[in-house]
Amino acid sequence: MGRGIRTGPKSILLNALWQHHRTALAYDWIKAYGQVYKPVTLAAWLQGQRPAIDWGLAWQLTKEILKDHTSHSYMALTGAVYAPDGAEQAIWLLAGQHEKRPWFDTTHDPLRQPAHVHNLTARQREDRERLKQYFHIEDDL
């Protein structure tokens, strides 16, 4: 009495998508299957609830989404700022700009959360500048 669909080590990507990129996963699931993947929490599982789609089937369906390298889920896992369509990727490749891909440019992302601003004293700012010069740090992240 085994499960019908087996999972493997890569199925943990489904968990990573669910934990860190839930909106991208939801977008792709709605686009591909007309529904959102929603696993059952441990508390609900202990109360006897079972998922509509089990983990193995959810992984198989998500794996099909990840085969499309323009999907939001795939781009989220690669660290892209947005998901370009195939035409935009082709234009950048045809232009010979292999190393420049704006969808990976996190410094000019207009939707990025602003960096946390600390109220530093003048002495602390001087110390930071000295450390940056000493360790040859050019960008303050």
N, C-alpha and C. Protein backbone atom coordinates (compact mmCIF):
# COMPACT_ATOMS: atom_id res chain seq x y z
N MET A 1 0.83 -1.17 0.00
CA MET A 1 0.00 0.00 0.00
C MET A 1 0.88 1.25 0.00
N GLY A 2 1.50 1.50 -1.12
CA GLY A 2 2.34 2.68 -1.24
C GLY A 2 1.62 3.80 -1.93
N ARG A 3 2.28 4.92 -1.95
CA ARG A 3 1.70 6.08 -2.62
C ARG A 3 1.83 5.91 -4.12
N GLY A 4 0.93 6.53 -4.84
CA GLY A 4 0.94 6.41 -6.29
C GLY A 4 2.06 7.20 -6.93
N ILE A 5 2.35 8.38 -6.40
CA ILE A 5 3.37 9.24 -6.98
C ILE A 5 4.48 9.41 -5.95
N ARG A 6 5.69 9.09 -6.37
CA ARG A 6 6.82 9.16 -5.46
C ARG A 6 7.45 10.55 -5.51
N THR A 7 8.05 10.95 -4.41
CA THR A 7 8.79 12.20 -4.36
C THR A 7 10.26 11.88 -4.21
N GLY A 8 11.08 12.89 -4.41
CA GLY A 8 12.52 12.72 -4.26
C GLY A 8 13.10 13.93 -3.56
N PRO A 9 14.43 14.00 -3.48
CA PRO A 9 15.06 15.12 -2.79
C PRO A 9 14.71 16.48 -3.37
N LYS A 10 14.48 16.55 -4.68
CA LYS A 10 14.18 17.84 -5.29
C LYS A 10 12.79 18.34 -4.92
N SER A 11 11.95 17.47 -4.39
CA SER A 11 10.60 17.90 -4.03
C SER A 11 10.62 18.92 -2.90
N ILE A 12 11.75 19.09 -2.24
CA ILE A 12 11.86 20.10 -1.20
C ILE A 12 11.75 21.50 -1.80
N LEU A 13 11.95 21.62 -3.12
CA LEU A 13 11.75 22.91 -3.78
C LEU A 13 10.31 23.39 -3.63
N LEU A 14 9.37 22.46 -3.59
CA LEU A 14 7.98 22.84 -3.38
C LEU A 14 7.83 23.51 -2.02
N ASN A 15 8.49 22.99 -1.02
CA ASN A 15 8.44 23.60 0.31
C ASN A 15 9.11 24.97 0.29
N ALA A 16 10.23 25.10 -0.39
CA ALA A 16 10.91 26.40 -0.47
C ALA A 16 10.02 27.42 -1.18
N LEU A 17 9.37 27.01 -2.24
CA LEU A 17 8.46 27.92 -2.92
C LEU A 17 7.29 28.32 -2.02
N TRP A 18 6.75 27.35 -1.30
CA TRP A 18 5.62 27.64 -0.42
C TRP A 18 6.04 28.56 0.71
N GLN A 19 7.21 28.37 1.27
CA GLN A 19 7.65 29.17 2.41
C GLN A 19 8.09 30.58 2.01
N HIS A 20 8.82 30.70 0.89
CA HIS A 20 9.47 31.98 0.57
C HIS A 20 8.91 32.70 -0.65
N HIS A 21 8.24 31.99 -1.53
CA HIS A 21 7.76 32.60 -2.77
C HIS A 21 6.32 32.16 -3.04
N ARG A 22 5.49 32.29 -2.04
CA ARG A 22 4.12 31.80 -2.11
C ARG A 22 3.31 32.47 -3.22
N THR A 23 3.52 33.76 -3.44
CA THR A 23 2.74 34.45 -4.47
C THR A 23 3.12 33.97 -5.87
N ALA A 24 4.41 33.74 -6.10
CA ALA A 24 4.84 33.23 -7.40
C ALA A 24 4.26 31.84 -7.64
N LEU A 25 4.28 30.99 -6.62
CA LEU A 25 3.72 29.65 -6.74
C LEU A 25 2.21 29.72 -7.00
N ALA A 26 1.53 30.59 -6.26
CA ALA A 26 0.08 30.73 -6.45
C ALA A 26 -0.24 31.22 -7.86
N TYR A 27 0.53 32.19 -8.35
CA TYR A 27 0.30 32.72 -9.70
C TYR A 27 0.43 31.60 -10.74
N ASP A 28 1.50 30.84 -10.64
CA ASP A 28 1.72 29.77 -11.62
C ASP A 28 0.68 28.67 -11.51
N TRP A 29 0.28 28.32 -10.30
CA TRP A 29 -0.74 27.29 -10.14
C TRP A 29 -2.08 27.74 -10.70
N ILE A 30 -2.44 29.00 -10.46
CA ILE A 30 -3.71 29.50 -11.01
C ILE A 30 -3.65 29.51 -12.52
N LYS A 31 -2.52 29.94 -13.06
CA LYS A 31 -2.36 30.01 -14.52
C LYS A 31 -2.41 28.61 -15.14
N ALA A 32 -1.75 27.65 -14.51
CA ALA A 32 -1.66 26.31 -15.10
C ALA A 32 -2.84 25.40 -14.76
N TYR A 33 -3.33 25.48 -13.50
CA TYR A 33 -4.30 24.50 -13.05
C TYR A 33 -5.61 25.10 -12.54
N GLY A 34 -5.71 26.42 -12.51
CA GLY A 34 -6.95 27.06 -12.09
C GLY A 34 -7.22 27.01 -10.60
N GLN A 35 -6.23 26.70 -9.82
CA GLN A 35 -6.38 26.67 -8.36
C GLN A 35 -5.06 26.96 -7.69
N VAL A 36 -5.11 27.21 -6.39
CA VAL A 36 -3.92 27.51 -5.61
C VAL A 36 -3.57 26.28 -4.79
N TYR A 37 -2.29 25.95 -4.75
CA TYR A 37 -1.86 24.83 -3.91
C TYR A 37 -1.83 25.31 -2.46
N LYS A 38 -2.51 24.57 -1.61
CA LYS A 38 -2.54 24.90 -0.19
C LYS A 38 -2.37 23.63 0.62
N PRO A 39 -1.17 23.44 1.19
CA PRO A 39 -0.98 22.23 2.00
C PRO A 39 -1.71 22.34 3.34
N VAL A 40 -1.96 21.22 3.94
CA VAL A 40 -2.60 21.18 5.25
C VAL A 40 -1.54 21.40 6.31
N THR A 41 -1.83 22.24 7.29
CA THR A 41 -0.88 22.48 8.38
C THR A 41 -0.84 21.26 9.30
N LEU A 42 0.19 21.20 10.12
CA LEU A 42 0.33 20.07 11.04
C LEU A 42 -0.85 20.02 12.00
N ALA A 43 -1.27 21.16 12.51
CA ALA A 43 -2.40 21.18 13.45
C ALA A 43 -3.67 20.64 12.79
N ALA A 44 -3.91 21.03 11.54
CA ALA A 44 -5.09 20.53 10.82
C ALA A 44 -4.95 19.04 10.53
N TRP A 45 -3.72 18.61 10.20
CA TRP A 45 -3.48 17.19 9.92
C TRP A 45 -3.78 16.34 11.16
N LEU A 46 -3.35 16.83 12.32
CA LEU A 46 -3.60 16.10 13.56
C LEU A 46 -5.08 16.05 13.91
N GLN A 47 -5.85 17.01 13.41
CA GLN A 47 -7.30 17.00 13.64
C GLN A 47 -8.04 16.13 12.63
N GLY A 48 -7.30 15.53 11.69
CA GLY A 48 -7.90 14.60 10.75
C GLY A 48 -8.13 15.16 9.36
N GLN A 49 -7.80 16.42 9.12
CA GLN A 49 -7.97 16.98 7.78
C GLN A 49 -6.90 16.42 6.85
N ARG A 50 -7.27 16.20 5.62
CA ARG A 50 -6.33 15.72 4.62
C ARG A 50 -6.33 16.69 3.45
N PRO A 51 -5.18 16.85 2.79
CA PRO A 51 -5.12 17.81 1.68
C PRO A 51 -5.92 17.33 0.48
N ALA A 52 -6.41 18.29 -0.29
CA ALA A 52 -7.11 17.95 -1.53
C ALA A 52 -6.11 17.37 -2.54
N ILE A 53 -4.89 17.90 -2.51
CA ILE A 53 -3.82 17.41 -3.38
C ILE A 53 -2.66 17.01 -2.48
N ASP A 54 -2.27 15.74 -2.53
CA ASP A 54 -1.19 15.29 -1.65
C ASP A 54 0.16 15.81 -2.14
N TRP A 55 1.17 15.65 -1.31
CA TRP A 55 2.50 16.21 -1.59
C TRP A 55 3.09 15.69 -2.89
N GLY A 56 2.95 14.40 -3.15
CA GLY A 56 3.53 13.81 -4.36
C GLY A 56 2.92 14.40 -5.62
N LEU A 57 1.60 14.50 -5.66
CA LEU A 57 0.95 15.08 -6.83
C LEU A 57 1.28 16.57 -6.95
N ALA A 58 1.30 17.28 -5.82
CA ALA A 58 1.64 18.70 -5.85
C ALA A 58 3.04 18.91 -6.39
N TRP A 59 3.97 18.03 -6.01
CA TRP A 59 5.33 18.16 -6.52
C TRP A 59 5.38 17.89 -8.02
N GLN A 60 4.67 16.85 -8.48
CA GLN A 60 4.66 16.55 -9.91
C GLN A 60 4.10 17.72 -10.71
N LEU A 61 3.05 18.34 -10.22
CA LEU A 61 2.45 19.48 -10.92
C LEU A 61 3.38 20.69 -10.89
N THR A 62 4.03 20.93 -9.75
CA THR A 62 4.96 22.05 -9.64
C THR A 62 6.19 21.81 -10.50
N LYS A 63 6.62 20.56 -10.60
CA LYS A 63 7.77 20.23 -11.45
C LYS A 63 7.49 20.59 -12.90
N GLU A 64 6.27 20.37 -13.34
CA GLU A 64 5.89 20.75 -14.70
C GLU A 64 5.95 22.27 -14.88
N ILE A 65 5.56 23.01 -13.86
CA ILE A 65 5.65 24.47 -13.92
C ILE A 65 7.10 24.91 -13.99
N LEU A 66 7.98 24.27 -13.22
CA LEU A 66 9.39 24.66 -13.17
C LEU A 66 10.14 24.34 -14.46
N LYS A 67 9.58 23.49 -15.29
CA LYS A 67 10.22 23.21 -16.59
C LYS A 67 10.16 24.42 -17.50
N ASP A 68 9.20 25.30 -17.26
CA ASP A 68 9.10 26.55 -18.01
C ASP A 68 9.98 27.58 -17.32
N HIS A 69 11.09 27.92 -17.93
CA HIS A 69 12.05 28.82 -17.29
C HIS A 69 11.61 30.28 -17.30
N THR A 70 10.44 30.56 -17.85
CA THR A 70 9.89 31.90 -17.74
C THR A 70 8.78 31.97 -16.69
N SER A 71 8.54 30.87 -15.98
CA SER A 71 7.50 30.87 -14.95
C SER A 71 7.95 31.70 -13.75
N HIS A 72 6.99 32.22 -13.03
CA HIS A 72 7.29 33.04 -11.86
C HIS A 72 7.98 32.22 -10.77
N SER A 73 7.59 30.98 -10.63
CA SER A 73 8.21 30.12 -9.61
C SER A 73 9.67 29.86 -9.93
N TYR A 74 9.98 29.54 -11.18
CA TYR A 74 11.37 29.30 -11.57
C TYR A 74 12.21 30.56 -11.36
N MET A 75 11.68 31.69 -11.79
CA MET A 75 12.42 32.94 -11.64
C MET A 75 12.61 33.30 -10.16
N ALA A 76 11.62 33.01 -9.33
CA ALA A 76 11.75 33.28 -7.90
C ALA A 76 12.86 32.44 -7.29
N LEU A 77 12.97 31.18 -7.70
CA LEU A 77 14.03 30.32 -7.17
C LEU A 77 15.42 30.76 -7.63
N THR A 78 15.51 31.40 -8.80
CA THR A 78 16.81 31.85 -9.29
C THR A 78 17.19 33.22 -8.76
N GLY A 79 16.28 33.86 -8.03
CA GLY A 79 16.59 35.16 -7.44
C GLY A 79 16.27 36.34 -8.34
N ALA A 80 15.46 36.12 -9.35
CA ALA A 80 15.12 37.20 -10.27
C ALA A 80 14.17 38.19 -9.61
N VAL A 81 14.26 39.44 -10.06
CA VAL A 81 13.39 40.49 -9.56
C VAL A 81 12.00 40.36 -10.16
N TYR A 82 11.93 39.99 -11.42
CA TYR A 82 10.65 39.76 -12.08
C TYR A 82 10.83 38.63 -13.09
N ALA A 83 9.73 38.15 -13.60
CA ALA A 83 9.77 37.04 -14.56
C ALA A 83 9.58 37.58 -15.97
N PRO A 84 10.65 37.63 -16.77
CA PRO A 84 10.49 38.09 -18.15
C PRO A 84 9.88 36.99 -19.01
N ASP A 85 9.22 37.40 -20.06
CA ASP A 85 8.70 36.38 -20.97
C ASP A 85 9.82 35.94 -21.91
N GLY A 86 9.54 34.93 -22.69
CA GLY A 86 10.56 34.39 -23.59
C GLY A 86 11.05 35.40 -24.60
N ALA A 87 10.18 36.30 -25.04
CA ALA A 87 10.57 37.32 -26.03
C ALA A 87 11.60 38.28 -25.45
N GLU A 88 11.39 38.70 -24.22
CA GLU A 88 12.35 39.62 -23.60
C GLU A 88 13.70 38.94 -23.40
N GLN A 89 13.70 37.70 -22.98
CA GLN A 89 14.96 36.97 -22.83
C GLN A 89 15.67 36.83 -24.17
N ALA A 90 14.92 36.54 -25.22
CA ALA A 90 15.50 36.37 -26.55
C ALA A 90 16.10 37.67 -27.05
N ILE A 91 15.45 38.79 -26.81
CA ILE A 91 15.96 40.09 -27.26
C ILE A 91 17.30 40.38 -26.61
N TRP A 92 17.41 40.13 -25.30
CA TRP A 92 18.69 40.39 -24.61
C TRP A 92 19.78 39.47 -25.12
N LEU A 93 19.45 38.22 -25.42
CA LEU A 93 20.45 37.29 -25.95
C LEU A 93 20.86 37.67 -27.37
N LEU A 94 19.88 38.06 -28.20
CA LEU A 94 20.20 38.47 -29.56
C LEU A 94 21.03 39.75 -29.60
N ALA A 95 20.84 40.59 -28.61
CA ALA A 95 21.59 41.84 -28.55
C ALA A 95 23.02 41.61 -28.06
N GLY A 96 23.34 40.38 -27.70
CA GLY A 96 24.69 40.06 -27.24
C GLY A 96 24.93 40.46 -25.79
N GLN A 97 23.87 40.70 -25.07
CA GLN A 97 23.99 41.11 -23.66
C GLN A 97 23.77 39.91 -22.75
N HIS A 98 24.66 38.91 -22.87
CA HIS A 98 24.50 37.68 -22.09
C HIS A 98 24.66 37.94 -20.60
N GLU A 99 25.58 38.82 -20.23
CA GLU A 99 25.83 39.06 -18.81
C GLU A 99 24.86 40.07 -18.22
N LYS A 100 24.22 40.89 -19.05
CA LYS A 100 23.28 41.88 -18.53
C LYS A 100 21.86 41.37 -18.69
N ARG A 101 21.25 41.07 -17.59
CA ARG A 101 19.87 40.63 -17.59
C ARG A 101 19.14 41.47 -16.53
N PRO A 102 18.30 42.39 -16.94
CA PRO A 102 17.68 43.30 -15.97
C PRO A 102 16.79 42.60 -14.95
N TRP A 103 16.33 41.40 -15.25
CA TRP A 103 15.47 40.72 -14.28
C TRP A 103 16.26 40.19 -13.08
N PHE A 104 17.59 40.25 -13.15
CA PHE A 104 18.42 39.87 -12.00
C PHE A 104 19.04 41.08 -11.30
N ASP A 105 18.71 42.28 -11.75
CA ASP A 105 19.29 43.50 -11.19
C ASP A 105 18.51 43.91 -9.94
N THR A 106 19.03 43.52 -8.79
CA THR A 106 18.34 43.82 -7.53
C THR A 106 18.61 45.23 -7.04
N THR A 107 19.63 45.90 -7.57
CA THR A 107 19.94 47.25 -7.08
C THR A 107 18.97 48.29 -7.61
N HIS A 108 18.39 48.07 -8.79
CA HIS A 108 17.46 49.03 -9.37
C HIS A 108 16.02 48.53 -9.37
N ASP A 109 15.70 47.67 -8.44
CA ASP A 109 14.37 47.11 -8.36
C ASP A 109 13.42 48.13 -7.73
N PRO A 110 12.44 48.65 -8.48
CA PRO A 110 11.55 49.66 -7.91
C PRO A 110 10.60 49.11 -6.85
N LEU A 111 10.42 47.80 -6.82
CA LEU A 111 9.52 47.19 -5.84
C LEU A 111 10.23 46.69 -4.59
N ARG A 112 11.54 46.90 -4.54
CA ARG A 112 12.32 46.42 -3.40
C ARG A 112 11.99 47.22 -2.15
N GLN A 113 11.99 46.55 -1.03
CA GLN A 113 11.78 47.23 0.24
C GLN A 113 12.96 48.14 0.53
N PRO A 114 12.73 49.33 1.04
CA PRO A 114 13.85 50.22 1.34
C PRO A 114 14.73 49.62 2.44
N ALA A 115 16.01 49.93 2.33
CA ALA A 115 16.96 49.42 3.34
C ALA A 115 16.64 50.06 4.69
N HIS A 116 16.88 49.31 5.73
CA HIS A 116 16.63 49.82 7.08
C HIS A 116 17.63 50.92 7.38
N VAL A 117 17.13 52.05 7.80
CA VAL A 117 17.99 53.20 8.08
C VAL A 117 18.25 53.25 9.59
N HIS A 118 19.52 53.26 9.93
CA HIS A 118 19.91 53.33 11.34
C HIS A 118 20.22 54.77 11.70
N ASN A 119 19.91 55.14 12.90
CA ASN A 119 20.29 56.45 13.41
C ASN A 119 21.67 56.33 14.02
N LEU A 120 22.68 56.60 13.22
CA LEU A 120 24.06 56.46 13.66
C LEU A 120 24.61 57.80 14.11
N THR A 121 25.50 57.73 15.07
CA THR A 121 26.19 58.94 15.49
C THR A 121 27.30 59.23 14.49
N ALA A 122 27.83 60.43 14.55
CA ALA A 122 28.93 60.80 13.65
C ALA A 122 30.12 59.88 13.87
N ARG A 123 30.38 59.51 15.09
CA ARG A 123 31.50 58.62 15.43
C ARG A 123 31.29 57.24 14.78
N GLN A 124 30.07 56.72 14.85
CA GLN A 124 29.78 55.41 14.27
C GLN A 124 29.92 55.45 12.75
N ARG A 125 29.49 56.52 12.11
CA ARG A 125 29.64 56.64 10.66
C ARG A 125 31.12 56.69 10.28
N GLU A 126 31.93 57.42 11.06
CA GLU A 126 33.38 57.49 10.79
C GLU A 126 34.01 56.11 10.95
N ASP A 127 33.62 55.39 11.99
CA ASP A 127 34.16 54.04 12.21
C ASP A 127 33.78 53.11 11.05
N ARG A 128 32.56 53.20 10.57
CA ARG A 128 32.14 52.37 9.45
C ARG A 128 32.93 52.71 8.19
N GLU A 129 33.13 53.98 7.94
CA GLU A 129 33.89 54.39 6.76
C GLU A 129 35.33 53.88 6.84
N ARG A 130 35.92 53.95 8.03
CA ARG A 130 37.27 53.45 8.21
C ARG A 130 37.34 51.94 7.96
N LEU A 131 36.38 51.20 8.48
CA LEU A 131 36.34 49.76 8.26
C LEU A 131 36.13 49.42 6.78
N LYS A 132 35.26 50.17 6.11
CA LYS A 132 35.03 49.94 4.69
C LYS A 132 36.30 50.18 3.89
N GLN A 133 37.04 51.21 4.24
CA GLN A 133 38.29 51.48 3.54
C GLN A 133 39.32 50.40 3.85
N TYR A 134 39.40 49.98 5.10
CA TYR A 134 40.37 48.98 5.51
C TYR A 134 40.13 47.66 4.81
N PHE A 135 38.84 47.25 4.71
CA PHE A 135 38.51 45.96 4.09
C PHE A 135 38.15 46.09 2.63
N HIS A 136 38.32 47.25 2.04
CA HIS A 136 38.05 47.51 0.62
C HIS A 136 36.59 47.19 0.24
N ILE A 137 35.70 47.64 1.06
CA ILE A 137 34.27 47.46 0.79
C ILE A 137 33.77 48.70 0.08
N GLU A 138 33.19 48.49 -1.12
CA GLU A 138 32.76 49.64 -1.90
C GLU A 138 31.29 49.95 -1.76
N ASP A 139 30.46 48.95 -1.54
CA ASP A 139 29.03 49.17 -1.49
C ASP A 139 28.51 48.88 -0.10
N ASP A 140 27.71 49.79 0.44
CA ASP A 140 27.13 49.58 1.76
C ASP A 140 25.79 48.90 1.60
N LEU A 141 25.74 47.62 1.94
CA LEU A 141 24.48 46.87 1.81
C LEU A 141 23.73 47.03 3.04
